[in-house]
């Protein structure tokens, strides 16, 4: 009987031992993973400094420099506040310091403040949004706003094009050239979710982002046509050149 009991207990003991070994392996491996993940994470200061270094080396024009102001943990990321020239910005970096998010958009805020689908917004040439606002004027002339920063590559591409087009309309428009300027923040807040460059033409047409996808020549024609629509095709010498585009604008 003892021999039979012993024979029955041996397989059970082997199974129990196997279970304990498996559990031990799982805990050991889990500890290794947790340790590896912990080692991969950077402190908030380290991650933010790494992001600032990347911005300075890869995103800014010569002579421009970004400097860190502070950093906090937010929504599983590190949110760092930094300064370029006189402008201050918020960006995000993962805790590993491997992914940089230049701009964070509050989806809940956007969904309550602005339409989010193309069906709810009406677009025209150059992917400009048509607002329902009356044309805003200054000294009886439509106001053209440009918002951007020299620390933003898309802004530095767009800015000279806007300046050149605006020059063609001297005496017909009021041009607010807000490059690295805090002026007209109420207009910026109304027509932009915070991204730059932002263009607001007569409070009637607005777009956040550059026209790099169109190319310099076509972007120039689009901007000219939109302003011509606001100035009632004046001056004719300028507007006659883009009449086909003007006809496409509501």
C-alpha atoms as a PDB file:
ATOM      1  CA  UNK A   1       0.000   0.000   0.000  1.00  0.00           C
ATOM      2  CA  UNK A   2       2.816   2.403   0.916  1.00  0.00           C
ATOM      3  CA  UNK A   3       4.490   1.737  -2.392  1.00  0.00           C
ATOM      4  CA  UNK A   4       1.214   2.409  -4.253  1.00  0.00           C
ATOM      5  CA  UNK A   5       0.655   5.691  -2.325  1.00  0.00           C
ATOM      6  CA  UNK A   6       4.225   6.751  -3.046  1.00  0.00           C
ATOM      7  CA  UNK A   7       3.757   6.062  -6.750  1.00  0.00           C
ATOM      8  CA  UNK A   8       0.578   8.219  -6.764  1.00  0.00           C
ATOM      9  CA  UNK A   9       2.190  11.092  -4.871  1.00  0.00           C
ATOM     10  CA  UNK A  10       5.257  11.386  -7.109  1.00  0.00           C
ATOM     11  CA  UNK A  11       3.332  12.660 -10.203  1.00  0.00           C
ATOM     12  CA  UNK A  12       1.340  15.094  -8.010  1.00  0.00           C
ATOM     13  CA  UNK A  13       4.547  16.418  -6.487  1.00  0.00           C
ATOM     14  CA  UNK A  14       6.042  16.885  -9.948  1.00  0.00           C
ATOM     15  CA  UNK A  15       2.977  18.855 -11.079  1.00  0.00           C
ATOM     16  CA  UNK A  16       3.035  21.059  -7.961  1.00  0.00           C
ATOM     17  CA  UNK A  17       6.759  21.667  -8.400  1.00  0.00           C
ATOM     18  CA  UNK A  18       6.159  22.582 -12.033  1.00  0.00           C
ATOM     19  CA  UNK A  19       3.508  25.112 -11.038  1.00  0.00           C
ATOM     20  CA  UNK A  20       5.835  26.758  -8.513  1.00  0.00           C
ATOM     21  CA  UNK A  21       8.645  26.873 -11.062  1.00  0.00           C
ATOM     22  CA  UNK A  22       6.327  28.457 -13.646  1.00  0.00           C
ATOM     23  CA  UNK A  23       5.169  31.070 -11.126  1.00  0.00           C
ATOM     24  CA  UNK A  24       8.761  31.813 -10.184  1.00  0.00           C
ATOM     25  CA  UNK A  25       9.728  32.259 -13.854  1.00  0.00           C
ATOM     26  CA  UNK A  26       6.775  34.620 -14.425  1.00  0.00           C
ATOM     27  CA  UNK A  27       7.738  36.787 -11.439  1.00  0.00           C
ATOM     28  CA  UNK A  28      11.393  36.831 -12.445  1.00  0.00           C
ATOM     29  CA  UNK A  29      10.543  37.828 -16.027  1.00  0.00           C
ATOM     30  CA  UNK A  30       8.022  40.409 -14.833  1.00  0.00           C
ATOM     31  CA  UNK A  31      10.683  41.895 -12.586  1.00  0.00           C
ATOM     32  CA  UNK A  32      13.084  42.079 -15.506  1.00  0.00           C
ATOM     33  CA  UNK A  33      10.490  43.836 -17.697  1.00  0.00           C
ATOM     34  CA  UNK A  34       9.602  46.291 -14.944  1.00  0.00           C
ATOM     35  CA  UNK A  35      13.277  46.968 -14.337  1.00  0.00           C
ATOM     36  CA  UNK A  36      13.933  47.473 -18.074  1.00  0.00           C
ATOM     37  CA  UNK A  37      10.948  49.814 -18.406  1.00  0.00           C
ATOM     38  CA  UNK A  38      12.074  51.754 -15.355  1.00  0.00           C
ATOM     39  CA  UNK A  39      15.570  52.076 -16.791  1.00  0.00           C
ATOM     40  CA  UNK A  40      14.141  53.369 -20.104  1.00  0.00           C
ATOM     41  CA  UNK A  41      12.318  56.277 -18.433  1.00  0.00           C
ATOM     42  CA  UNK A  42      13.956  59.671 -18.076  1.00  0.00           C
ATOM     43  CA  UNK A  43      13.322  62.250 -15.394  1.00  0.00           C
ATOM     44  CA  UNK A  44      11.131  65.183 -16.448  1.00  0.00           C
ATOM     45  CA  UNK A  45      14.184  67.460 -16.590  1.00  0.00           C
ATOM     46  CA  UNK A  46      16.207  64.985 -18.667  1.00  0.00           C
ATOM     47  CA  UNK A  47      13.401  64.406 -21.185  1.00  0.00           C
ATOM     48  CA  UNK A  48      12.662  68.120 -21.544  1.00  0.00           C
ATOM     49  CA  UNK A  49      16.339  68.997 -22.017  1.00  0.00           C
ATOM     50  CA  UNK A  50      16.620  66.282 -24.660  1.00  0.00           C
ATOM     51  CA  UNK A  51      13.605  67.743 -26.489  1.00  0.00           C
ATOM     52  CA  UNK A  52      14.988  71.296 -26.281  1.00  0.00           C
ATOM     53  CA  UNK A  53      18.309  70.066 -27.659  1.00  0.00           C
ATOM     54  CA  UNK A  54      16.510  68.459 -30.614  1.00  0.00           C
ATOM     55  CA  UNK A  55      14.508  71.640 -31.298  1.00  0.00           C
ATOM     56  CA  UNK A  56      17.663  73.774 -31.256  1.00  0.00           C
ATOM     57  CA  UNK A  57      19.611  71.452 -33.526  1.00  0.00           C
ATOM     58  CA  UNK A  58      16.907  70.555 -36.049  1.00  0.00           C
ATOM     59  CA  UNK A  59      14.008  73.034 -36.055  1.00  0.00           C
ATOM     60  CA  UNK A  60      15.295  76.560 -35.544  1.00  0.00           C
ATOM     61  CA  UNK A  61      16.872  79.022 -37.930  1.00  0.00           C
ATOM     62  CA  UNK A  62      20.424  80.209 -37.352  1.00  0.00           C
ATOM     63  CA  UNK A  63      20.607  82.685 -34.514  1.00  0.00           C
ATOM     64  CA  UNK A  64      17.430  81.363 -32.840  1.00  0.00           C
ATOM     65  CA  UNK A  65      17.549  79.379 -29.614  1.00  0.00           C
ATOM     66  CA  UNK A  66      14.984  77.641 -27.410  1.00  0.00           C
ATOM     67  CA  UNK A  67      15.391  77.678 -23.625  1.00  0.00           C
ATOM     68  CA  UNK A  68      13.527  75.555 -21.074  1.00  0.00           C
ATOM     69  CA  UNK A  69      11.351  77.332 -18.499  1.00  0.00           C
ATOM     70  CA  UNK A  70       9.750  74.432 -16.628  1.00  0.00           C
ATOM     71  CA  UNK A  71       8.442  70.898 -17.041  1.00  0.00           C
ATOM     72  CA  UNK A  72       5.600  68.916 -15.415  1.00  0.00           C
ATOM     73  CA  UNK A  73       4.065  65.468 -15.831  1.00  0.00           C
ATOM     74  CA  UNK A  74       0.663  65.534 -17.517  1.00  0.00           C
ATOM     75  CA  UNK A  75      -1.520  62.744 -18.956  1.00  0.00           C
ATOM     76  CA  UNK A  76       1.349  60.244 -18.939  1.00  0.00           C
ATOM     77  CA  UNK A  77       3.664  62.654 -20.797  1.00  0.00           C
ATOM     78  CA  UNK A  78       6.059  65.410 -19.823  1.00  0.00           C
ATOM     79  CA  UNK A  79       4.718  68.862 -20.674  1.00  0.00           C
ATOM     80  CA  UNK A  80       7.518  71.384 -21.000  1.00  0.00           C
ATOM     81  CA  UNK A  81       7.195  75.157 -21.250  1.00  0.00           C
ATOM     82  CA  UNK A  82       9.930  76.878 -23.227  1.00  0.00           C
ATOM     83  CA  UNK A  83      10.855  80.183 -24.819  1.00  0.00           C
ATOM     84  CA  UNK A  84      12.094  81.170 -28.276  1.00  0.00           C
ATOM     85  CA  UNK A  85      12.943  84.856 -28.446  1.00  0.00           C
ATOM     86  CA  UNK A  86      10.015  86.658 -26.833  1.00  0.00           C
ATOM     87  CA  UNK A  87       7.500  83.877 -27.600  1.00  0.00           C
ATOM     88  CA  UNK A  88       6.614  81.122 -25.111  1.00  0.00           C
ATOM     89  CA  UNK A  89       5.323  77.675 -26.085  1.00  0.00           C
ATOM     90  CA  UNK A  90       4.105  74.393 -24.581  1.00  0.00           C
ATOM     91  CA  UNK A  91       5.141  71.053 -26.062  1.00  0.00           C
ATOM     92  CA  UNK A  92       5.129  67.429 -24.932  1.00  0.00           C
ATOM     93  CA  UNK A  93       7.671  64.593 -24.859  1.00  0.00           C
ATOM     94  CA  UNK A  94       7.236  60.948 -23.857  1.00  0.00           C
ATOM     95  CA  UNK A  95       8.771  59.826 -20.576  1.00  0.00           C
ATOM     96  CA  UNK A  96      11.341  57.804 -22.500  1.00  0.00           C
ATOM     97  CA  UNK A  97      12.383  60.956 -24.350  1.00  0.00           C
ATOM     98  CA  UNK A  98      11.904  59.190 -27.686  1.00  0.00           C
ATOM     99  CA  UNK A  99       8.817  60.975 -29.078  1.00  0.00           C
ATOM    100  CA  UNK A 100       8.318  64.744 -29.275  1.00  0.00           C
ATOM    101  CA  UNK A 101       4.906  66.363 -29.738  1.00  0.00           C
ATOM    102  CA  UNK A 102       5.399  69.996 -30.740  1.00  0.00           C
ATOM    103  CA  UNK A 103       1.789  70.963 -30.081  1.00  0.00           C
ATOM    104  CA  UNK A 104      -0.909  69.487 -27.875  1.00  0.00           C
ATOM    105  CA  UNK A 105      -4.520  70.063 -28.881  1.00  0.00           C
ATOM    106  CA  UNK A 106      -7.255  69.856 -26.237  1.00  0.00           C
ATOM    107  CA  UNK A 107      -9.795  67.768 -28.149  1.00  0.00           C
ATOM    108  CA  UNK A 108     -12.575  68.450 -25.648  1.00  0.00           C
ATOM    109  CA  UNK A 109     -12.022  72.199 -25.879  1.00  0.00           C
ATOM    110  CA  UNK A 110     -11.899  72.147 -29.669  1.00  0.00           C
ATOM    111  CA  UNK A 111     -15.060  70.054 -29.900  1.00  0.00           C
ATOM    112  CA  UNK A 112     -17.025  72.540 -27.794  1.00  0.00           C
ATOM    113  CA  UNK A 113     -15.608  75.732 -29.282  1.00  0.00           C
ATOM    114  CA  UNK A 114     -15.241  74.981 -32.983  1.00  0.00           C
ATOM    115  CA  UNK A 115     -16.794  72.706 -35.599  1.00  0.00           C
ATOM    116  CA  UNK A 116     -14.607  69.668 -36.182  1.00  0.00           C
ATOM    117  CA  UNK A 117     -15.895  68.157 -39.405  1.00  0.00           C
ATOM    118  CA  UNK A 118     -15.575  69.397 -42.935  1.00  0.00           C
ATOM    119  CA  UNK A 119     -19.364  69.172 -43.326  1.00  0.00           C
ATOM    120  CA  UNK A 120     -19.804  71.748 -40.535  1.00  0.00           C
ATOM    121  CA  UNK A 121     -17.277  74.144 -42.061  1.00  0.00           C
ATOM    122  CA  UNK A 122     -17.261  75.638 -45.514  1.00  0.00           C
ATOM    123  CA  UNK A 123     -13.941  75.740 -47.341  1.00  0.00           C
ATOM    124  CA  UNK A 124     -12.695  77.685 -50.319  1.00  0.00           C
ATOM    125  CA  UNK A 125      -9.473  77.911 -52.362  1.00  0.00           C
ATOM    126  CA  UNK A 126      -6.228  77.178 -50.510  1.00  0.00           C
ATOM    127  CA  UNK A 127      -8.137  75.213 -47.854  1.00  0.00           C
ATOM    128  CA  UNK A 128      -9.236  78.450 -46.196  1.00  0.00           C
ATOM    129  CA  UNK A 129     -12.300  78.266 -43.978  1.00  0.00           C
ATOM    130  CA  UNK A 130     -15.125  80.681 -44.759  1.00  0.00           C
ATOM    131  CA  UNK A 131     -16.481  82.276 -41.585  1.00  0.00           C
ATOM    132  CA  UNK A 132     -19.929  83.717 -41.078  1.00  0.00           C
ATOM    133  CA  UNK A 133     -18.444  86.941 -39.715  1.00  0.00           C
ATOM    134  CA  UNK A 134     -18.741  90.317 -41.382  1.00  0.00           C
ATOM    135  CA  UNK A 135     -15.619  91.603 -43.097  1.00  0.00           C
ATOM    136  CA  UNK A 136     -13.504  93.391 -40.477  1.00  0.00           C
ATOM    137  CA  UNK A 137     -12.074  96.703 -41.615  1.00  0.00           C
ATOM    138  CA  UNK A 138      -9.682  99.354 -40.427  1.00  0.00           C
ATOM    139  CA  UNK A 139      -9.902 102.828 -41.980  1.00  0.00           C
ATOM    140  CA  UNK A 140     -12.455 101.363 -44.403  1.00  0.00           C
ATOM    141  CA  UNK A 141      -9.945  98.737 -45.584  1.00  0.00           C
ATOM    142  CA  UNK A 142     -10.100  94.950 -44.966  1.00  0.00           C
ATOM    143  CA  UNK A 143      -7.676  93.823 -42.243  1.00  0.00           C
ATOM    144  CA  UNK A 144      -5.204  91.070 -43.156  1.00  0.00           C
ATOM    145  CA  UNK A 145      -3.629  89.253 -40.203  1.00  0.00           C
ATOM    146  CA  UNK A 146      -0.553  87.028 -40.186  1.00  0.00           C
ATOM    147  CA  UNK A 147       0.458  85.186 -36.995  1.00  0.00           C
ATOM    148  CA  UNK A 148       3.745  83.320 -36.798  1.00  0.00           C
ATOM    149  CA  UNK A 149       7.183  82.978 -35.279  1.00  0.00           C
ATOM    150  CA  UNK A 150      10.721  82.833 -36.647  1.00  0.00           C
ATOM    151  CA  UNK A 151      11.179  79.675 -34.609  1.00  0.00           C
ATOM    152  CA  UNK A 152       8.537  77.900 -36.722  1.00  0.00           C
ATOM    153  CA  UNK A 153       9.831  76.546 -40.081  1.00  0.00           C
ATOM    154  CA  UNK A 154       6.357  76.614 -41.670  1.00  0.00           C
ATOM    155  CA  UNK A 155       5.975  80.252 -40.622  1.00  0.00           C
ATOM    156  CA  UNK A 156       9.303  81.261 -42.133  1.00  0.00           C
ATOM    157  CA  UNK A 157       8.196  79.638 -45.402  1.00  0.00           C
ATOM    158  CA  UNK A 158       4.814  81.387 -45.443  1.00  0.00           C
ATOM    159  CA  UNK A 159       5.795  84.796 -44.089  1.00  0.00           C
ATOM    160  CA  UNK A 160       7.686  86.251 -47.103  1.00  0.00           C
ATOM    161  CA  UNK A 161       4.894  85.141 -49.442  1.00  0.00           C
ATOM    162  CA  UNK A 162       2.269  86.935 -47.354  1.00  0.00           C
ATOM    163  CA  UNK A 163       4.461  90.035 -47.129  1.00  0.00           C
ATOM    164  CA  UNK A 164       4.996  90.111 -50.892  1.00  0.00           C
ATOM    165  CA  UNK A 165       1.284  89.673 -51.645  1.00  0.00           C
ATOM    166  CA  UNK A 166       0.290  92.297 -49.070  1.00  0.00           C
ATOM    167  CA  UNK A 167       2.670  94.774 -50.703  1.00  0.00           C
ATOM    168  CA  UNK A 168       0.681  94.465 -53.948  1.00  0.00           C
ATOM    169  CA  UNK A 169      -2.370  95.784 -52.068  1.00  0.00           C
ATOM    170  CA  UNK A 170      -0.848  98.849 -50.398  1.00  0.00           C
ATOM    171  CA  UNK A 171      -3.590 101.433 -49.940  1.00  0.00           C
ATOM    172  CA  UNK A 172      -6.321  98.784 -50.229  1.00  0.00           C
ATOM    173  CA  UNK A 173      -5.751  96.705 -47.074  1.00  0.00           C
ATOM    174  CA  UNK A 174      -4.554  97.121 -43.495  1.00  0.00           C
ATOM    175  CA  UNK A 175      -1.825  94.524 -42.956  1.00  0.00           C
ATOM    176  CA  UNK A 176      -1.165  93.359 -39.384  1.00  0.00           C
ATOM    177  CA  UNK A 177       2.163  91.561 -39.683  1.00  0.00           C
ATOM    178  CA  UNK A 178       2.293  89.662 -36.367  1.00  0.00           C
ATOM    179  CA  UNK A 179       5.565  87.792 -36.750  1.00  0.00           C
ATOM    180  CA  UNK A 180       6.877  87.204 -33.219  1.00  0.00           C
ATOM    181  CA  UNK A 181       4.294  89.630 -31.884  1.00  0.00           C
ATOM    182  CA  UNK A 182       1.674  89.340 -29.148  1.00  0.00           C
ATOM    183  CA  UNK A 183      -0.631  91.848 -30.839  1.00  0.00           C
ATOM    184  CA  UNK A 184      -4.190  90.961 -31.896  1.00  0.00           C
ATOM    185  CA  UNK A 185      -4.373  87.948 -29.547  1.00  0.00           C
ATOM    186  CA  UNK A 186      -8.157  88.169 -29.481  1.00  0.00           C
ATOM    187  CA  UNK A 187      -8.266  87.624 -33.253  1.00  0.00           C
ATOM    188  CA  UNK A 188      -5.727  84.800 -33.023  1.00  0.00           C
ATOM    189  CA  UNK A 189      -7.699  83.026 -30.284  1.00  0.00           C
ATOM    190  CA  UNK A 190     -10.926  83.294 -32.255  1.00  0.00           C
ATOM    191  CA  UNK A 191      -9.647  81.856 -35.533  1.00  0.00           C
ATOM    192  CA  UNK A 192      -6.919  79.447 -34.381  1.00  0.00           C
ATOM    193  CA  UNK A 193      -6.674  76.548 -31.932  1.00  0.00           C
ATOM    194  CA  UNK A 194      -3.140  77.728 -31.144  1.00  0.00           C
ATOM    195  CA  UNK A 195      -1.192  76.496 -34.165  1.00  0.00           C
ATOM    196  CA  UNK A 196       0.979  78.710 -36.346  1.00  0.00           C
ATOM    197  CA  UNK A 197       1.166  80.063 -38.931  1.00  0.00           C
ATOM    198  CA  UNK A 198      -2.398  81.355 -38.850  1.00  0.00           C
ATOM    199  CA  UNK A 199      -3.766  83.635 -41.578  1.00  0.00           C
ATOM    200  CA  UNK A 200      -6.956  85.650 -41.107  1.00  0.00           C
ATOM    201  CA  UNK A 201      -8.138  87.622 -44.131  1.00  0.00           C
ATOM    202  CA  UNK A 202     -10.753  90.236 -43.323  1.00  0.00           C
ATOM    203  CA  UNK A 203     -12.183  87.936 -40.615  1.00  0.00           C
ATOM    204  CA  UNK A 204     -13.926  86.233 -43.544  1.00  0.00           C
ATOM    205  CA  UNK A 205     -11.317  83.672 -44.592  1.00  0.00           C
ATOM    206  CA  UNK A 206      -8.914  81.967 -42.221  1.00  0.00           C
ATOM    207  CA  UNK A 207      -6.487  79.063 -42.194  1.00  0.00           C
ATOM    208  CA  UNK A 208      -4.180  77.505 -39.648  1.00  0.00           C
ATOM    209  CA  UNK A 209      -1.067  76.144 -41.346  1.00  0.00           C
ATOM    210  CA  UNK A 210       1.057  77.033 -44.334  1.00  0.00           C
ATOM    211  CA  UNK A 211       0.419  76.513 -48.041  1.00  0.00           C
ATOM    212  CA  UNK A 212       3.600  74.539 -48.645  1.00  0.00           C
ATOM    213  CA  UNK A 213       1.604  71.764 -50.279  1.00  0.00           C
ATOM    214  CA  UNK A 214       0.565  74.185 -53.019  1.00  0.00           C
ATOM    215  CA  UNK A 215       4.035  75.548 -53.661  1.00  0.00           C
ATOM    216  CA  UNK A 216       5.127  79.184 -53.550  1.00  0.00           C
ATOM    217  CA  UNK A 217       3.604  80.256 -56.882  1.00  0.00           C
ATOM    218  CA  UNK A 218       0.143  78.759 -56.347  1.00  0.00           C
ATOM    219  CA  UNK A 219       0.044  79.858 -52.707  1.00  0.00           C
ATOM    220  CA  UNK A 220       0.761  83.410 -53.820  1.00  0.00           C
ATOM    221  CA  UNK A 221      -2.112  83.260 -56.324  1.00  0.00           C
ATOM    222  CA  UNK A 222      -4.511  81.908 -53.685  1.00  0.00           C
ATOM    223  CA  UNK A 223      -3.679  84.655 -51.199  1.00  0.00           C
ATOM    224  CA  UNK A 224      -3.984  87.291 -53.925  1.00  0.00           C
ATOM    225  CA  UNK A 225      -7.395  85.988 -55.013  1.00  0.00           C
ATOM    226  CA  UNK A 226      -8.747  85.972 -51.456  1.00  0.00           C
ATOM    227  CA  UNK A 227      -7.657  89.556 -50.856  1.00  0.00           C
ATOM    228  CA  UNK A 228      -9.097  90.601 -54.233  1.00  0.00           C
ATOM    229  CA  UNK A 229     -12.423  89.167 -53.108  1.00  0.00           C
ATOM    230  CA  UNK A 230     -12.278  91.425 -50.049  1.00  0.00           C
ATOM    231  CA  UNK A 231     -11.191  94.554 -51.960  1.00  0.00           C
ATOM    232  CA  UNK A 232     -13.789  94.051 -54.704  1.00  0.00           C
ATOM    233  CA  UNK A 233     -11.128  93.305 -57.322  1.00  0.00           C
ATOM    234  CA  UNK A 234      -8.890  96.259 -56.581  1.00  0.00           C
ATOM    235  CA  UNK A 235      -6.334  96.988 -57.851  1.00  0.00           C
ATOM    236  CA  UNK A 236      -7.402  95.641 -61.225  1.00  0.00           C
ATOM    237  CA  UNK A 237      -3.812  95.265 -62.397  1.00  0.00           C
ATOM    238  CA  UNK A 238      -3.294  92.654 -59.660  1.00  0.00           C
ATOM    239  CA  UNK A 239      -6.711  91.020 -59.511  1.00  0.00           C
ATOM    240  CA  UNK A 240      -7.129  90.501 -63.261  1.00  0.00           C
ATOM    241  CA  UNK A 241      -4.234  88.027 -63.112  1.00  0.00           C
ATOM    242  CA  UNK A 242      -6.124  85.655 -60.780  1.00  0.00           C
ATOM    243  CA  UNK A 243      -9.702  86.165 -61.971  1.00  0.00           C
ATOM    244  CA  UNK A 244     -10.219  82.430 -62.463  1.00  0.00           C
ATOM    245  CA  UNK A 245      -9.476  81.813 -58.782  1.00  0.00           C
ATOM    246  CA  UNK A 246     -11.569  84.759 -57.631  1.00  0.00           C
ATOM    247  CA  UNK A 247     -14.546  83.251 -59.426  1.00  0.00           C
ATOM    248  CA  UNK A 248     -14.196  80.105 -57.296  1.00  0.00           C
ATOM    249  CA  UNK A 249     -14.484  82.000 -53.996  1.00  0.00           C
ATOM    250  CA  UNK A 250     -17.862  82.440 -52.289  1.00  0.00           C
END
